[in-house]
Structures are given as structure tokens and as C-alpha cells.
Amino acid sequence: MWKVYKYTLIDLARNKFVLGWTLLLLAISLGLFQLEDQPVKAMLSLSQVLLALVPLVASVFTIVYLYDAMEFTELLAVQPLRRSKILGGQMAALGTALVLGALVGTGIPLMLFLPGGASLTLILACVMLTLVFVAIGSLIAIKNREKARGVGLGLVVWFLFVLVYDAVLLWVMFAFSDYPIEPWIVPLAALDPIDLGRIMVLLKVDLAAMMGYSGAVYEKFFGNVRGILVALLALGAWVALPSAFAFRAFRRKDL
């Protein structure tokens, strides 16, 4: 696994897209902090951009890279290597490269302009969402043989998490507002990893009131250390489950 990880990471270091992604994040982060007079407002604007853009790029780039590396993967598969080590090395390298890009592109500006718990929470959310969508992207790439279909499915999954799921959850909360649905809101929110990241950031800067009814419910549960740990565990499950399905599919795949 280490050799596959090392080679893939070296290949990713030469990839112009990874460098371009890092520079884009850096430009967006610095630009927003320069435009806004108040660092907190800049951080909130940045969070809206990152929580949508980071999952999209992590998912699509992972899918495209795994398709483009298929010939090398097939070559490795005929060697005396376990398939789990091949895929594990590739996924670990993809996660490392994209996480480092996010840390350099957003972590440095956030720590320079607004050091504190809110910035650290946003950085942590970006790191976890990167790993989540690397896992989801890997699963999609393995389950679909056609590149265009895989990329399209990745875009559909991202769209569902970013827009559709939020709309459905909001409708459920208002439609059943006369009933004691509070115990169900948090588990339902955990079904959307992007929503978990957004909740963590907003509550860390005390903006739960702006989230209305859902904000009150989220603040009650997530507004403490226990809640934050549960949210991180939920994001960890979002990394582990797609990864497990991806490993299973890769072991059974006819290369």
C-alpha cells in the first residue's frame, strides 16, 4: 500500500489541477478577506463557497483521476498485490493531496485573518468533507465503467446534498412542525454530510438564530462539545461506509 500511495502522491504532485485548485482556494480566501471589513463576515462568505465547492471538486476529481489511472491500476492488479492495498493507496494519496490543497488554500488565510475556534471548525469541516467525497467519488468510479456516466452521477450526488436534501428537510420540518419531531431532526441532518459541516460552522459563530426553527434544534444538540463530537463521528461514518463499499466493489470488479 505504501508504494502505491507514494507513486500516486508523486503523480498528484505533478498534476496541474491540484496546484490550480490550491491557488484558486488561496485567491478566493484572500480576496474575500480583503473585500470585507469584518473578518467574521468574510469567513461566513468563505464558508458558503467552501462547503459547496470542496465536495464538488473532491468528488469529480477523484472520479476523473481513477478513470484516467485505470491502465496503471490494471497493471498493479496483475502483480502480487492485494486489491485492498491498491485502492487504499490511491484513495489515501487522493485524500492527502486534496486535504493539503485545502489546508494551504484556506487554512493559512483563515489563521492569518481570523485565528480562533470558528476558523478551525471551518478548516476541519473542509478536511472531513474532502475525505467524505473522495470516498464517495471512489465508489462511483469503481461501480461505473463509463467515465461520463461516473462524472454525471458524481454531479447528481453533489446536487442532491447541496440543494435538494436541504429543501426536503426544510419542508419536513415545517409540514410536521405541530408534532414533536425534534428527536428526528438531528439524525435526518446527519444524512447530509455537507449539512453537518454547515451546522458546525454556523453554530460556532453563534448564528443559529439565523437558521430559524432548525437552528434552535441544532443549537440544543450541537451547541456543545458532545454535539460537535457526534457530528465528527457522523462525518467519520460518511468516510468509512462509502470506503468499505468501494473496497468491496473493487475486490469483485472484473478488471
Foldseek 3Di string as FASTA:
>chain_A
DVVLLVVLLVVVVPDVVLVVLLVVLQCLLVVLLVVDPDVVVSVVVSLVVLLQPLLLCLQLVLLVVCLVCVVVLVVVVVDPDALLVNVVSNLVSSLVSSLVSLCNSQVVSCCVRPDDDLSVLSNVLSSLSSLLSSLVNLLLNLVDNDSVVSSVVSVVVSCCLPPVLVVVLVCVCVVCVVDPCLVVSVVSLLVRSSSLSVLSNCLVVPNLVVVPPSSVSSCVQLVDPVNNVVSVVSSVVSNPVSNVSSSVSSNVDDD
